[in-house]
Amino acid sequence: MGIVILEVCESNPAASLDLEKWESEYPGTSVIRSSCLSECEFCAAHAYVMINGEIVSSHDLDSLSAAIREKIEQELNAWQ
């Protein structure tokens, strides 16, 4: 089983999502909420998270949730 680290900046709109649900839905996934991910210009303009160090973003939070699911599944499938 793979490991997925999902990070979010508390100042980003993505922080309003129930990101912790991914921990129970996908074992091996951990959510880390940080005060800053050092992507300030991007953070100010886009809803985003980082998954295993890669930015995952979208134009709205619903689309971001779908993109998060897709990326988590992609990361976990890489370990199978």
Protein backbone atom coordinates (compact mmCIF):
# COMPACT_ATOMS: atom_id res chain seq x y z
CA MET A 1 0.00 0.00 0.00
CA GLY A 2 1.23 3.47 -0.84
CA ILE A 3 1.45 6.54 1.28
CA VAL A 4 -0.27 9.78 0.32
CA ILE A 5 0.47 13.06 2.07
CA LEU A 6 -2.14 15.73 1.41
CA GLU A 7 -1.09 19.19 2.58
CA VAL A 8 -3.20 22.33 2.70
CA CYS A 9 -2.50 25.91 3.70
CA GLU A 10 -4.98 27.11 6.32
CA SER A 11 -5.30 30.41 4.42
CA ASN A 12 -6.40 28.72 1.20
CA PRO A 13 -10.08 28.16 0.34
CA ALA A 14 -9.32 24.43 0.07
CA ALA A 15 -8.87 24.38 3.85
CA SER A 16 -12.66 24.71 4.16
CA LEU A 17 -13.12 21.25 2.62
CA ASP A 18 -13.50 18.17 4.80
CA LEU A 19 -10.10 16.89 3.75
CA GLU A 20 -9.83 14.47 6.64
CA LYS A 21 -12.49 12.29 4.98
CA TRP A 22 -9.78 11.12 2.59
CA GLU A 23 -7.91 9.55 5.52
CA SER A 24 -10.77 7.16 6.24
CA GLU A 25 -11.74 6.63 2.62
CA TYR A 26 -8.19 5.89 1.48
CA PRO A 27 -6.04 4.15 4.12
CA GLY A 28 -2.46 5.31 3.79
CA THR A 29 -3.54 8.92 3.28
CA SER A 30 -2.64 11.62 5.82
CA VAL A 31 -3.80 15.23 5.86
CA ILE A 32 -1.49 17.94 7.15
CA ARG A 33 -2.90 21.41 7.72
CA SER A 34 -0.15 24.03 7.74
CA SER A 35 -0.09 27.76 8.31
CA CYS A 36 1.86 28.19 5.04
CA LEU A 37 3.13 25.99 2.21
CA SER A 38 5.35 28.73 0.73
CA GLU A 39 3.26 29.02 -2.44
CA CYS A 40 1.81 32.43 -1.50
CA GLU A 41 1.22 33.88 -4.98
CA PHE A 42 -0.42 30.67 -6.19
CA CYS A 43 -2.33 30.31 -2.93
CA ALA A 44 -3.79 33.80 -3.25
CA ALA A 45 -5.17 33.02 -6.71
CA HIS A 46 -6.19 29.34 -6.61
CA ALA A 47 -7.83 26.74 -4.42
CA TYR A 48 -5.21 24.02 -4.13
CA VAL A 49 -3.63 21.28 -2.06
CA MET A 50 -0.32 19.51 -2.37
CA ILE A 51 -0.34 15.75 -2.73
CA ASN A 52 3.01 14.07 -2.29
CA GLY A 53 4.65 17.39 -3.11
CA GLU A 54 2.66 18.10 -6.30
CA ILE A 55 0.15 20.93 -6.58
CA VAL A 56 -3.43 19.86 -7.31
CA SER A 57 -5.72 22.79 -8.09
CA SER A 58 -9.00 23.59 -9.74
CA HIS A 59 -11.29 26.50 -10.55
CA ASP A 60 -13.78 25.63 -7.77
CA LEU A 61 -13.94 23.51 -4.64
CA ASP A 62 -16.22 20.83 -6.12
CA SER A 63 -13.82 20.29 -8.99
CA LEU A 64 -10.92 20.34 -6.57
CA SER A 65 -12.49 17.51 -4.55
CA ALA A 66 -12.77 15.43 -7.72
CA ALA A 67 -9.16 16.24 -8.64
CA ILE A 68 -8.01 15.27 -5.14
CA ARG A 69 -9.78 11.91 -5.40
CA GLU A 70 -8.24 11.28 -8.81
CA LYS A 71 -4.73 12.16 -7.63
CA ILE A 72 -4.99 10.05 -4.46
CA GLU A 73 -6.13 7.06 -6.50
CA GLN A 74 -3.33 7.64 -8.99
CA GLU A 75 -0.74 7.79 -6.20
CA LEU A 76 -2.07 4.66 -4.48
CA ASN A 77 -2.31 2.72 -7.74
CA ALA A 78 1.33 3.48 -8.47
CA TRP A 79 2.22 1.26 -5.49
CA GLN A 80 0.18 -1.76 -6.60
